[in-house]
Protein backbone atom coordinates (compact mmCIF):
# COMPACT_ATOMS: atom_id res chain seq x y z
CA MET A 1 -9.60 3.77 20.15
CA SER A 2 -12.11 3.92 16.96
CA THR A 3 -14.18 1.21 15.39
CA ASP A 4 -10.85 1.63 12.48
CA ALA A 5 -8.35 0.07 15.63
CA VAL A 6 -11.24 -1.77 16.79
CA LEU A 7 -12.02 -3.25 13.25
CA ARG A 8 -8.21 -3.71 12.21
CA GLU A 9 -7.45 -5.52 15.72
CA LEU A 10 -9.68 -8.02 14.48
CA LEU A 11 -8.24 -8.20 10.89
CA VAL A 12 -4.99 -9.99 11.96
CA ARG A 13 -6.60 -11.78 15.00
CA GLN A 14 -8.55 -13.55 11.79
CA LEU A 15 -5.86 -13.38 9.99
CA ASP A 16 -3.35 -15.34 12.61
CA HIS A 17 -6.12 -18.18 12.01
CA TRP A 18 -7.07 -18.32 8.51
CA LEU A 19 -3.69 -18.07 6.98
CA PRO A 20 -1.86 -21.32 8.42
CA ALA A 21 -5.28 -22.92 7.62
CA ALA A 22 -5.24 -21.66 3.89
CA LEU A 23 -1.62 -22.62 3.54
CA HIS A 24 -2.05 -26.43 4.42
CA ARG A 25 -5.32 -26.25 2.47
CA ALA A 26 -3.61 -25.47 -0.73
CA ARG A 27 -0.53 -24.53 -2.52
CA ARG A 28 -2.53 -21.17 -3.54
CA ALA A 29 -4.64 -18.23 -1.81
CA THR A 30 -6.18 -14.65 -1.84
CA LEU A 31 -6.14 -11.89 0.44
CA ALA A 32 -7.98 -9.63 -0.63
CA LEU A 33 -8.86 -5.82 0.88
CA ALA A 34 -10.75 -3.27 -0.11
CA TYR A 35 -11.29 -0.13 1.74
CA ALA A 36 -13.98 2.88 0.51
CA GLY A 37 -11.80 5.95 1.00
CA GLY A 38 -11.33 6.45 5.14
CA ASP A 39 -8.51 4.00 6.62
CA ALA A 40 -6.76 1.88 4.76
CA ALA A 41 -4.14 1.13 7.36
CA GLY A 42 -5.97 -2.34 7.73
CA ALA A 43 -3.83 -3.45 4.65
CA GLU A 44 -0.63 -2.68 5.81
CA GLU A 45 -0.99 -4.66 9.28
CA ALA A 46 -2.17 -7.72 6.77
CA LEU A 47 1.07 -8.16 5.50
CA ARG A 48 3.31 -6.93 8.46
CA VAL A 49 0.95 -10.64 10.25
CA VAL A 50 1.58 -12.53 6.31
CA ALA A 51 5.07 -11.40 6.46
CA GLU A 52 5.01 -13.40 10.30
CA PHE A 53 4.78 -16.41 7.83
CA ALA A 54 6.88 -16.70 5.78
CA ASP A 55 8.34 -19.96 6.53
CA ARG A 56 5.06 -21.82 6.10
CA LEU A 57 4.65 -19.95 2.74
CA ARG A 58 7.42 -21.70 0.78
CA GLY A 59 6.07 -23.67 -1.90
CA ARG A 60 3.16 -21.98 -2.03
CA ARG A 61 1.65 -19.03 -3.75
CA LEU A 62 -0.26 -16.19 -1.45
CA THR A 63 -0.83 -13.06 -3.59
CA VAL A 64 -2.60 -9.93 -0.98
CA LEU A 65 -4.87 -7.54 -3.87
CA VAL A 66 -5.47 -3.78 -1.96
CA VAL A 67 -8.19 -2.13 -3.62
CA ALA A 68 -7.98 1.12 -2.63
CA ASP A 69 -7.87 5.27 -3.61
CA ASP A 70 -4.27 5.96 -4.65
CA GLY A 71 -4.05 8.40 -1.11
CA THR A 72 -0.44 10.52 -2.15
CA ASP A 73 1.47 7.75 0.84
CA LEU A 74 -0.45 4.28 0.31
CA PRO A 75 1.86 3.69 -2.92
CA ALA A 76 5.22 4.25 -0.19
CA ARG A 77 3.83 2.72 2.94
CA LEU A 78 2.93 -0.55 1.44
CA GLY A 79 6.01 -0.67 -0.88
CA ALA A 80 8.08 -0.70 2.93
CA ALA A 81 5.42 -3.54 4.79
CA GLU A 82 6.04 -5.64 0.76
CA ALA A 83 9.93 -5.48 1.51
CA ALA A 84 9.66 -7.83 4.31
CA LEU A 85 7.61 -10.24 2.04
CA PRO A 86 9.50 -13.82 0.85
CA ALA A 87 9.47 -13.70 -2.44
CA ASP A 88 5.75 -16.53 -2.55
CA VAL A 89 4.20 -13.00 -1.50
CA ALA A 90 2.68 -11.09 -4.41
CA VAL A 91 0.94 -7.39 -3.50
CA HIS A 92 -1.35 -5.97 -5.97
CA LEU A 93 -2.57 -2.18 -5.12
CA VAL A 94 -5.40 -1.04 -7.32
CA PRO A 95 -6.83 1.80 -7.18
CA GLY A 96 -10.72 2.43 -6.90
CA GLY A 97 -13.42 1.48 -3.96
CA PRO A 98 -14.68 -1.88 -3.07
CA ASP A 99 -17.17 -1.79 -6.47
CA ARG A 100 -13.82 -2.42 -8.13
CA LEU A 101 -14.11 -6.24 -6.22
CA PRO A 102 -14.79 -8.12 -8.73
CA VAL A 103 -12.71 -7.43 -11.27
CA ALA A 104 -9.79 -7.59 -9.46
CA LEU A 105 -10.30 -11.32 -7.75
CA LYS A 106 -11.20 -12.49 -11.30
CA ALA A 107 -7.86 -10.97 -12.68
CA ALA A 108 -5.76 -12.49 -9.85
CA GLY A 109 -7.79 -15.76 -10.47
CA ALA A 110 -9.11 -16.27 -6.93
CA ALA A 111 -11.73 -18.34 -7.38
CA GLY A 112 -11.38 -22.44 -6.43
CA ALA A 113 -9.13 -21.64 -4.12
CA PRO A 114 -8.29 -20.28 -0.28
CA LEU A 115 -10.58 -16.40 -0.18
CA LEU A 116 -10.15 -14.32 2.56
CA THR A 117 -11.68 -10.68 1.25
CA VAL A 118 -12.49 -7.86 3.77
CA ALA A 119 -14.81 -5.30 2.52
CA ASP A 120 -14.53 -2.10 4.12
CA GLY A 121 -17.22 0.86 3.52
CA ALA A 122 -19.30 -1.71 0.57
CA ASP A 123 -22.42 -2.09 0.30
CA PRO A 124 -23.52 -5.29 0.45
CA ASP A 125 -23.73 -5.66 -3.65
CA PRO A 126 -24.36 -8.60 -5.37
CA ALA A 127 -21.46 -9.09 -7.38
CA LEU A 128 -18.98 -7.84 -4.78
CA LEU A 129 -20.62 -10.77 -2.59
CA ALA A 130 -20.49 -13.04 -5.51
CA ALA A 131 -16.94 -12.84 -6.22
CA ALA A 132 -16.09 -13.39 -2.62
CA ALA A 133 -17.82 -16.18 -2.73
CA SER A 134 -16.35 -17.38 -5.44
CA GLY A 135 -13.52 -18.78 -3.42
CA ARG A 136 -12.64 -22.48 -2.39
CA PRO A 137 -13.64 -21.92 0.70
CA ALA A 138 -14.57 -18.33 1.30
CA GLU A 139 -14.58 -15.66 3.74
CA LEU A 140 -15.98 -11.85 3.84
CA LEU A 141 -16.12 -9.22 6.27
CA LEU A 142 -18.19 -6.81 4.81
CA VAL A 143 -17.87 -3.31 6.74
CA THR A 144 -20.56 -0.86 5.98
CA THR A 145 -23.35 1.81 7.83
CA PRO A 146 -26.04 0.37 9.57
CA GLY A 147 -29.96 0.09 9.40
CA ARG A 148 -30.18 -3.23 7.68
CA SER A 149 -29.82 -6.96 8.30
CA LEU A 150 -26.66 -7.91 5.67
CA ARG A 151 -27.25 -11.46 7.23
CA PRO A 152 -30.10 -12.35 4.39
CA ALA A 153 -27.81 -11.05 1.03
CA LEU A 154 -24.65 -12.63 2.56
CA THR A 155 -26.66 -16.01 2.73
CA GLY A 156 -28.61 -15.37 -0.71
CA ALA A 157 -24.52 -15.45 -1.92
CA GLY A 158 -24.26 -18.64 -0.90
CA PHE A 159 -22.54 -18.52 2.39
CA PRO A 160 -24.10 -20.97 5.14
CA LEU A 161 -22.60 -19.27 8.00
CA VAL A 162 -23.17 -15.48 9.14
CA THR A 163 -23.07 -13.14 11.86
CA GLU A 164 -23.10 -9.12 12.65
CA VAL A 165 -22.61 -6.69 14.87
CA GLU A 166 -22.80 -3.43 15.28
CA LEU A 167 -19.83 -1.20 16.34
CA VAL A 168 -20.59 1.82 18.56
CA PRO A 169 -17.53 4.24 19.27
CA ASP A 170 -18.14 6.26 22.24
CA GLY A 171 -19.32 10.11 21.44
CA ASP A 172 -20.39 11.12 18.57
CA GLY A 173 -18.21 9.22 15.79
CA PRO A 174 -20.81 6.84 13.73
CA ALA A 175 -21.36 3.16 14.42
CA ARG A 176 -20.78 0.65 11.59
CA LEU A 177 -22.02 -2.79 10.95
CA LEU A 178 -19.82 -5.81 10.41
CA GLY A 179 -20.88 -9.05 8.45
CA TYR A 180 -18.87 -11.90 8.72
CA ALA A 181 -19.61 -14.70 6.27
CA THR A 182 -18.36 -18.26 5.79
CA GLY A 183 -18.92 -21.66 5.76
CA SER A 184 -16.59 -22.85 8.24
CA ASP A 185 -17.51 -23.52 11.36
CA ARG A 186 -13.50 -23.01 12.79
CA GLY A 187 -14.09 -19.40 11.05
CA LEU A 188 -16.85 -18.28 12.25
CA GLU A 189 -15.82 -19.66 16.28
CA ALA A 190 -12.52 -17.69 15.67
CA VAL A 191 -14.40 -14.14 14.33
CA LYS A 192 -16.16 -14.79 17.48
CA GLU A 193 -13.32 -15.30 20.02
CA ALA A 194 -11.80 -12.36 18.31
CA LEU A 195 -14.88 -10.25 18.76
CA TRP A 196 -13.79 -10.29 22.90
CA ALA A 197 -10.67 -10.30 22.94
CA VAL A 198 -9.77 -7.03 21.52
CA ASP A 199 -8.56 -4.48 23.82
CA GLU A 200 -11.94 -3.30 25.91
CA TYR A 201 -11.14 -0.55 26.39
CA ALA A 202 -11.35 0.33 23.14
CA GLY A 203 -14.03 2.92 23.77
CA VAL A 204 -16.51 1.30 21.15
CA ARG A 205 -19.04 -1.30 22.78
CA TYR A 206 -21.12 -3.66 20.43
CA ARG A 207 -24.66 -3.68 19.19
CA ASP A 208 -26.51 -7.43 18.52
CA PRO A 209 -28.07 -6.34 15.56
CA ALA A 210 -30.85 -10.10 16.62
CA ASP A 211 -30.98 -8.18 20.29
CA PRO A 212 -34.74 -6.26 20.13
CA GLN A 213 -33.88 -3.89 23.01
CA GLY A 214 -30.67 -2.82 20.96
CA ARG A 215 -28.57 -2.60 24.54
CA LEU A 216 -24.55 -1.76 24.18
CA LEU A 217 -22.91 -4.91 25.47
CA ASP A 218 -19.22 -3.49 26.88
CA ILE A 219 -16.35 -5.63 25.12
CA SER A 220 -14.99 -8.54 27.50
CA LEU A 221 -14.22 -11.75 27.61
CA GLU A 222 -17.46 -12.69 29.28
CA PRO A 223 -19.89 -10.46 28.16
CA GLU A 224 -23.06 -9.49 29.84
CA PRO A 225 -25.52 -11.97 28.66
CA GLY A 226 -28.94 -10.15 29.12
CA PRO A 227 -29.13 -9.83 25.38
CA LEU A 228 -28.68 -13.59 24.92
CA ARG A 229 -31.13 -14.40 27.85
CA ARG A 230 -34.11 -12.67 25.77
CA GLU A 231 -32.79 -14.32 22.58
CA LEU A 232 -32.61 -18.07 24.19
CA LEU A 233 -36.38 -17.41 25.55
CA ALA A 234 -37.81 -15.97 22.05
CA GLU A 235 -36.24 -18.78 20.24
CA LEU A 236 -37.77 -21.19 22.61
CA ALA A 237 -40.99 -19.62 22.06
CA ARG A 238 -40.24 -20.03 18.56
CA SER A 239 -39.36 -23.54 18.40
CA GLY A 240 -40.29 -25.58 21.74
CA PRO A 241 -37.85 -26.94 23.59
CA ARG A 242 -34.17 -27.46 22.60
CA THR A 243 -31.62 -29.74 23.61
CA VAL A 244 -28.44 -27.36 24.62
CA THR A 245 -26.52 -28.28 22.00
CA GLU A 246 -29.37 -26.87 19.02
CA LEU A 247 -28.97 -23.86 22.06
CA ARG A 248 -25.19 -23.38 21.74
CA ARG A 249 -25.69 -23.35 17.85
CA PHE A 250 -28.08 -20.96 17.57
CA ALA A 251 -25.96 -18.24 20.03
CA THR A 252 -22.81 -18.98 17.88
CA THR A 253 -24.74 -18.37 14.16
CA SER A 254 -27.84 -15.96 15.51
CA THR A 255 -26.42 -14.05 17.61
CA VAL A 256 -23.00 -11.90 18.56
CA TYR A 257 -22.19 -14.59 21.40
CA ARG A 258 -20.13 -17.96 21.54
CA ALA A 259 -21.98 -21.18 22.27
CA ALA A 260 -19.82 -20.82 25.23
CA ASP A 261 -21.84 -17.49 26.12
CA ALA A 262 -25.10 -19.58 26.13
CA ASN A 263 -24.22 -21.98 29.34
CA ARG A 264 -24.15 -19.21 31.32
CA ALA A 265 -27.30 -17.77 30.08
CA LEU A 266 -28.82 -21.29 30.53
CA ALA A 267 -27.49 -21.52 33.75
CA SER A 268 -28.72 -17.68 35.16
CA LEU A 269 -32.07 -18.90 32.90
CA LEU A 270 -32.68 -21.85 34.58
CA ALA A 271 -31.58 -20.16 38.63
CA SER A 272 -34.13 -17.50 37.71
CA GLY A 273 -36.81 -19.81 36.76
CA ALA A 274 -37.51 -18.66 33.05
CA VAL A 275 -36.55 -22.19 32.25
CA THR A 276 -36.62 -25.64 33.22
CA ARG A 277 -34.77 -28.65 32.73
CA ASP A 278 -35.28 -32.27 31.54
CA PRO A 279 -33.49 -34.41 33.01
CA GLU A 280 -33.89 -32.20 36.48
CA HIS A 281 -30.67 -33.42 37.51
CA GLY A 282 -26.99 -33.76 36.40
CA ARG A 283 -24.09 -31.93 34.27
CA LEU A 284 -26.19 -29.43 31.78
CA GLY A 285 -25.01 -31.20 28.81
CA GLY A 286 -25.72 -31.16 25.20
CA ASP A 287 -28.88 -33.23 25.07
CA VAL A 288 -30.20 -32.11 28.02
CA SER A 289 -33.63 -30.20 26.85
CA ILE A 290 -34.68 -26.17 27.62
CA ILE A 291 -37.93 -25.42 28.56
CA ALA A 292 -39.53 -21.98 28.25
CA VAL A 293 -41.61 -20.74 32.05
CA PRO A 294 -44.98 -19.24 30.63
CA SER A 295 -45.03 -15.47 30.94
CA ALA A 296 -41.13 -15.75 32.22
CA GLY A 297 -39.82 -14.04 29.68
CA SER A 298 -40.14 -10.32 30.85
CA SER A 299 -38.05 -11.61 34.04
CA ALA A 300 -35.34 -11.97 31.71
């Protein structure tokens, strides 16, 4: 399975979370899918997911924008998927690349209502990010080439919650950097769950850009906690003692891991003696303080 296939599965899983919430929140919403060449099959998968929510679309209006190079068969492929959609869904194919998104979103009147934007092969251009942030609420999945962190650009565009992960295929295929930006805790949690729930035999592994050692991680419902242990120790070294609640939040917002993974990593660090806790005994609850043991970082 390629990185394209993993990204399609992630999109499907995220749509399953985003679409019901968007339709419950507002009478109109926009799904924008933009591709810089490459594989636009995710648009077909997205339309099939939308069709599954036909009963919830009554009385609502969903606009689906597909911005892609006008390949010879793409209109026909999308037309076949569109035929299964209810009349409440309007699909517009816009020729071009992700740089066309700001104009397309403005023409669709996407601002001020729920908006999920997927930009595959795009650079974190300020105009694109501003357009994607115009939804209320707004979520963005941005796929680009690795080499720099997307976090500063995404937070600068007005997204308070950001995560990023590199998708590294086996063999000679290029790695890809996925950034997700939102203002919703639930949206962030849903993406994290989806990341670790995709096909573990996909031939793709993850790399957490926050991990200075850049260790590759197998996709698993219980990911290997080594990089997270190091990142938690680094956070404790920067900030001093933190509660379990604060470290769970750090894992969710600053690493590729989930809050539940932080509990497993902390249990391992406690067992190894790399950290201590206050109080010493009892459940590892949210108000328990975690303290790094000096010079223990190398043992994580």
